[in-house]
Protein backbone atom coordinates (compact mmCIF):
# COMPACT_ATOMS: atom_id res chain seq x y z
CA MET A 1 77.57 139.37 55.76
CA THR A 2 74.48 140.46 57.70
CA SER A 3 70.95 139.14 57.68
CA SER A 4 69.82 142.57 56.45
CA SER A 5 71.88 142.42 53.25
CA PRO A 6 69.89 141.65 50.07
CA ALA A 7 69.77 138.08 48.81
CA ILE A 8 71.04 139.15 45.37
CA GLU A 9 72.73 142.31 44.12
CA LEU A 10 73.98 143.08 40.63
CA ARG A 11 75.77 146.40 40.65
CA GLY A 12 76.55 148.08 37.32
CA VAL A 13 77.18 144.71 35.70
CA THR A 14 78.40 144.32 32.12
CA ARG A 15 78.77 140.91 30.49
CA ARG A 16 80.62 140.47 27.20
CA PHE A 17 81.39 137.27 25.32
CA LEU A 18 82.99 136.23 22.05
CA SER A 19 80.85 135.12 19.12
CA PRO A 20 81.93 132.06 17.05
CA ASP A 21 83.55 134.40 14.52
CA GLY A 22 85.59 136.12 17.26
CA LYS A 23 83.56 139.32 17.65
CA SER A 24 82.96 140.79 21.10
CA LEU A 25 79.25 140.93 21.91
CA THR A 26 77.67 142.63 24.92
CA ALA A 27 74.75 140.81 26.57
CA LEU A 28 74.29 143.11 29.60
CA ARG A 29 75.37 146.72 30.06
CA ASP A 30 75.41 148.69 33.33
CA PHE A 31 72.86 146.26 34.78
CA THR A 32 71.70 146.85 38.36
CA MET A 33 69.18 144.69 40.22
CA THR A 34 68.41 143.97 43.88
CA VAL A 35 66.40 141.05 45.26
CA GLU A 36 65.56 141.26 48.95
CA ARG A 37 65.41 138.18 51.16
CA GLY A 38 62.15 136.33 50.67
CA GLU A 39 61.20 138.51 47.70
CA PHE A 40 59.72 137.12 44.46
CA VAL A 41 61.14 139.07 41.50
CA ALA A 42 60.14 138.51 37.87
CA VAL A 43 62.26 139.62 34.91
CA VAL A 44 60.70 140.36 31.52
CA GLY A 45 62.17 141.64 28.29
CA PRO A 46 62.50 140.97 24.57
CA THR A 47 63.77 137.63 23.30
CA GLY A 48 67.55 137.41 23.44
CA CYS A 49 68.02 140.45 25.68
CA GLY A 50 70.12 138.67 28.32
CA LYS A 51 67.57 137.51 30.88
CA SER A 52 69.11 134.04 31.21
CA THR A 53 72.59 135.57 31.34
CA THR A 54 71.48 137.38 34.49
CA LEU A 55 70.67 134.07 36.18
CA ASN A 56 74.00 132.53 35.13
CA LEU A 57 75.84 135.45 36.72
CA VAL A 58 74.05 134.83 40.02
CA THR A 59 74.90 131.12 39.96
CA GLY A 60 78.56 131.84 39.32
CA LEU A 61 78.54 129.99 35.98
CA PHE A 62 79.33 133.32 34.27
CA LYS A 63 81.64 136.03 35.56
CA PRO A 64 80.86 139.69 34.94
CA SER A 65 83.09 141.61 32.54
CA GLY A 66 82.49 144.66 34.70
CA GLY A 67 80.60 145.51 37.88
CA GLU A 68 79.85 143.22 40.80
CA VAL A 69 77.49 140.36 41.65
CA ARG A 70 76.81 139.62 45.32
CA VAL A 71 74.81 136.85 47.01
CA MET A 72 73.79 137.21 50.66
CA GLY A 73 76.15 140.17 50.98
CA GLN A 74 79.23 138.41 49.59
CA PRO A 75 80.81 138.55 46.10
CA VAL A 76 79.97 135.51 43.97
CA SER A 77 83.07 133.35 43.72
CA GLY A 78 81.69 130.02 42.49
CA ILE A 79 78.75 127.64 42.66
CA ASP A 80 76.67 128.27 45.81
CA ARG A 81 74.75 125.38 47.39
CA ARG A 82 72.16 127.80 48.76
CA ILE A 83 70.93 128.39 45.19
CA GLY A 84 68.37 126.18 43.41
CA PHE A 85 67.79 126.38 39.65
CA ALA A 86 64.63 125.42 37.74
CA PHE A 87 65.14 125.13 33.98
CA GLN A 88 62.82 125.48 30.99
CA THR A 89 63.40 121.81 30.22
CA ASP A 90 63.06 119.22 32.98
CA ALA A 91 66.39 118.34 34.57
CA LEU A 92 65.25 114.81 35.44
CA PHE A 93 67.32 111.64 35.14
CA PRO A 94 65.37 109.54 32.60
CA TRP A 95 66.77 106.25 33.94
CA ARG A 96 65.64 106.98 37.51
CA ASN A 97 62.12 106.71 38.85
CA VAL A 98 60.33 109.68 40.39
CA LEU A 99 61.39 108.97 43.96
CA ASP A 100 65.03 108.44 43.02
CA ASN A 101 65.03 111.70 41.06
CA VAL A 102 63.80 113.69 44.05
CA VAL A 103 66.15 112.01 46.54
CA ALA A 104 69.26 112.57 44.38
CA GLY A 105 69.99 116.06 45.73
CA PRO A 106 69.86 115.22 49.45
CA LEU A 107 71.96 112.08 48.93
CA PHE A 108 74.55 114.06 46.99
CA ARG A 109 74.68 116.55 49.88
CA GLY A 110 75.39 113.76 52.34
CA ARG A 111 72.00 113.28 53.99
CA PRO A 112 71.45 109.85 55.61
CA ARG A 113 69.74 107.54 53.13
CA LYS A 114 66.70 106.67 55.25
CA GLU A 115 66.09 110.30 56.17
CA ALA A 116 66.51 111.46 52.56
CA TYR A 117 64.01 108.93 51.19
CA ALA A 118 61.45 109.76 53.89
CA GLU A 119 61.70 113.45 53.05
CA ALA A 120 61.48 112.77 49.30
CA GLU A 121 58.28 110.78 49.82
CA ALA A 122 56.85 113.64 51.88
CA TRP A 123 57.66 116.18 49.15
CA LEU A 124 56.08 114.02 46.46
CA ALA A 125 52.93 113.77 48.54
CA ARG A 126 52.97 117.53 48.95
CA VAL A 127 53.06 118.16 45.19
CA GLY A 128 50.31 115.62 44.54
CA LEU A 129 52.41 112.70 43.32
CA LYS A 130 51.86 110.15 46.08
CA GLY A 131 51.44 106.80 44.34
CA PHE A 132 53.63 107.79 41.38
CA GLU A 133 56.99 107.22 43.10
CA LYS A 134 58.01 104.22 40.97
CA LEU A 135 57.15 105.68 37.58
CA HIS A 136 59.84 107.04 35.27
CA PRO A 137 59.81 110.52 33.66
CA HIS A 138 58.65 109.25 30.24
CA GLN A 139 55.53 107.83 31.93
CA LEU A 140 54.45 111.22 33.28
CA SER A 141 52.59 114.16 31.77
CA GLY A 142 54.34 117.50 31.34
CA GLY A 143 52.65 118.90 34.44
CA MET A 144 53.62 115.87 36.52
CA ARG A 145 57.25 116.19 35.44
CA LYS A 146 57.19 119.83 36.53
CA ARG A 147 55.85 118.75 39.91
CA VAL A 148 58.75 116.32 40.23
CA ALA A 149 61.13 119.15 39.31
CA LEU A 150 59.62 121.42 41.98
CA ALA A 151 59.94 118.70 44.63
CA GLN A 152 63.48 118.04 43.38
CA THR A 153 64.33 121.72 43.87
CA PHE A 154 62.53 122.53 47.13
CA ILE A 155 63.72 119.41 48.98
CA ASN A 156 67.18 121.02 49.07
CA LYS A 157 65.71 124.03 50.92
CA PRO A 158 67.23 126.68 48.64
CA GLU A 159 67.59 130.16 50.06
CA ILE A 160 67.61 131.50 46.49
CA LEU A 161 65.58 130.02 43.64
CA LEU A 162 66.37 130.92 40.03
CA MET A 163 63.73 129.97 37.46
CA ASP A 164 64.28 130.26 33.71
CA GLU A 165 60.87 130.08 31.98
CA PRO A 166 60.07 126.83 33.82
CA PHE A 167 56.45 126.56 32.68
CA SER A 168 56.66 127.86 29.10
CA ALA A 169 56.16 124.43 27.48
CA LEU A 170 52.95 123.65 29.39
CA ASP A 171 49.37 124.10 28.22
CA VAL A 172 47.36 126.95 29.75
CA GLN A 173 45.44 124.83 32.27
CA THR A 174 48.50 122.94 33.51
CA ARG A 175 50.49 126.15 33.67
CA ALA A 176 47.85 127.75 35.91
CA LYS A 177 48.00 124.75 38.26
CA MET A 178 51.78 124.96 38.41
CA HIS A 179 51.59 128.65 39.33
CA GLU A 180 49.43 127.71 42.31
CA GLU A 181 51.84 124.92 43.28
CA LEU A 182 54.83 127.26 43.07
CA LEU A 183 53.24 130.02 45.17
CA ASP A 184 52.12 127.49 47.77
CA LEU A 185 55.64 126.05 48.08
CA TRP A 186 57.25 129.49 48.06
CA GLY A 187 54.84 130.71 50.74
CA THR A 188 56.24 128.09 53.10
CA ASN A 189 59.88 128.15 52.01
CA ARG A 190 60.14 131.94 51.42
CA ALA A 191 63.20 131.60 49.22
CA SER A 192 64.29 134.67 47.30
CA VAL A 193 63.12 134.05 43.72
CA VAL A 194 64.21 135.40 40.35
CA PHE A 195 61.71 134.22 37.74
CA VAL A 196 62.55 134.86 34.07
CA THR A 197 59.58 134.81 31.69
CA HIS A 198 58.30 136.13 28.37
CA ASP A 199 54.75 136.12 29.75
CA LEU A 200 53.96 139.49 31.31
CA GLU A 201 50.74 138.27 32.94
CA GLU A 202 52.62 135.37 34.52
CA ALA A 203 55.21 137.80 35.90
CA ILE A 204 52.60 140.10 37.45
CA ALA A 205 50.51 137.28 38.90
CA LEU A 206 53.48 135.71 40.69
CA ALA A 207 55.87 138.49 41.64
CA ASP A 208 56.36 141.17 44.27
CA LYS A 209 58.41 143.19 41.80
CA VAL A 210 58.83 143.13 38.01
CA TYR A 211 62.02 144.25 36.23
CA VAL A 212 61.57 145.36 32.61
CA LEU A 213 64.73 145.01 30.50
CA THR A 214 65.64 146.86 27.34
CA LYS A 215 66.46 145.11 24.07
CA GLY A 216 70.01 143.79 23.95
CA PRO A 217 72.49 144.68 25.21
CA ALA A 218 70.14 144.66 28.17
CA THR A 219 69.95 147.10 31.01
CA VAL A 220 67.11 147.78 33.44
CA LYS A 221 64.52 150.06 31.85
CA SER A 222 62.09 150.18 34.77
CA VAL A 223 61.02 148.42 37.97
CA TYR A 224 57.42 147.94 39.06
CA LYS A 225 56.26 147.01 42.55
CA ILE A 226 53.24 144.68 42.37
CA ASP A 227 50.91 145.71 45.20
CA LEU A 228 48.38 142.94 44.69
CA PRO A 229 47.43 141.21 47.97
CA ARG A 230 48.71 137.75 48.93
CA PRO A 231 47.87 134.92 48.99
CA ARG A 232 46.97 135.12 45.30
CA LYS A 233 44.73 132.86 43.29
CA VAL A 234 46.55 133.11 39.97
CA ALA A 235 43.66 131.78 37.88
CA ASP A 236 41.37 134.54 39.22
CA ILE A 237 43.66 137.50 39.78
CA ARG A 238 44.03 138.13 36.03
CA TYR A 239 40.46 139.51 36.05
CA ASP A 240 41.11 141.92 38.93
CA LYS A 241 40.88 145.57 37.84
CA ASP A 242 44.17 146.43 39.56
CA PHE A 243 45.88 143.54 37.78
CA ILE A 244 44.56 144.72 34.42
CA ALA A 245 45.66 148.29 35.09
CA ILE A 246 49.24 147.42 36.01
CA SER A 247 49.43 144.92 33.15
CA ARG A 248 48.55 147.67 30.68
CA ARG A 249 51.04 150.04 32.26
CA ILE A 250 53.94 147.61 32.11
CA TRP A 251 53.06 146.47 28.60
CA GLU A 252 53.20 150.06 27.34
CA ASP A 253 56.70 150.23 28.79
CA LEU A 254 57.77 146.84 27.42
CA LYS A 255 56.14 147.11 23.99
CA SER A 256 58.67 149.50 22.46
CA GLU A 257 61.54 147.22 23.52
CA VAL A 258 59.87 144.14 21.99
CA GLN A 259 59.12 146.01 18.78
CA GLY A 260 62.69 147.33 18.64
CA ALA A 261 64.13 143.85 19.13
CA GLN A 262 61.88 142.46 16.37
CA ALA A 263 62.93 145.22 13.98
CA LYS A 264 66.60 144.55 14.74
CA ALA A 265 66.14 140.82 14.12
CA ALA A 266 64.34 141.47 10.84
């Protein structure tokens, strides 16, 4: 392994699985993707095309049926502690308060208790939740729970962050705030990010690079480098003429795949 090797590589990956009736189904076919260290990559594609399968291959939860998956220059052989995962639904312990949710990861990894709690309090302050430490998840708004989840993830200092539509359930205003929070935290941490989303504008506003997938079985149709300057104000950048131009370009590429997937489903 060298520091110059990409954070994530999927090389000609195919992933098959058995359906409940015993048929072999292909989720990914000849799938190739590279995420450089510190790079923010977004993945878009039709519903059910295998975007989440890609993340599970990187975590080691799934094994490829063909091809190779590498993390930090080494083949994936199991769960890697350098990887953090943010889910669509909040992965919070409902019986624990906010502080105890955030401190769970460091304690599990063997950090001294006093040190872990001090760091958890600092992260909660950073995401705007100072004073809410003793509340439980059911007492928080959707946006506040997402802030807890971000603190819960970033406190473990992941070198790779996988995000599976983490903000899809939020209202527009809260979602915009969470985009700002995420970019602020990422700007300091500089983890390598793979962000799966159905929202093309979200992908462009956040990412350095956008992968467009075909309808299932998915492969990479095209890759777009997003040359918009950083730091980005997500709420404002959507009105930038360069943002609008690249959004139109990628949508023209993605549209036929979405329409094809809808026709297949119908």
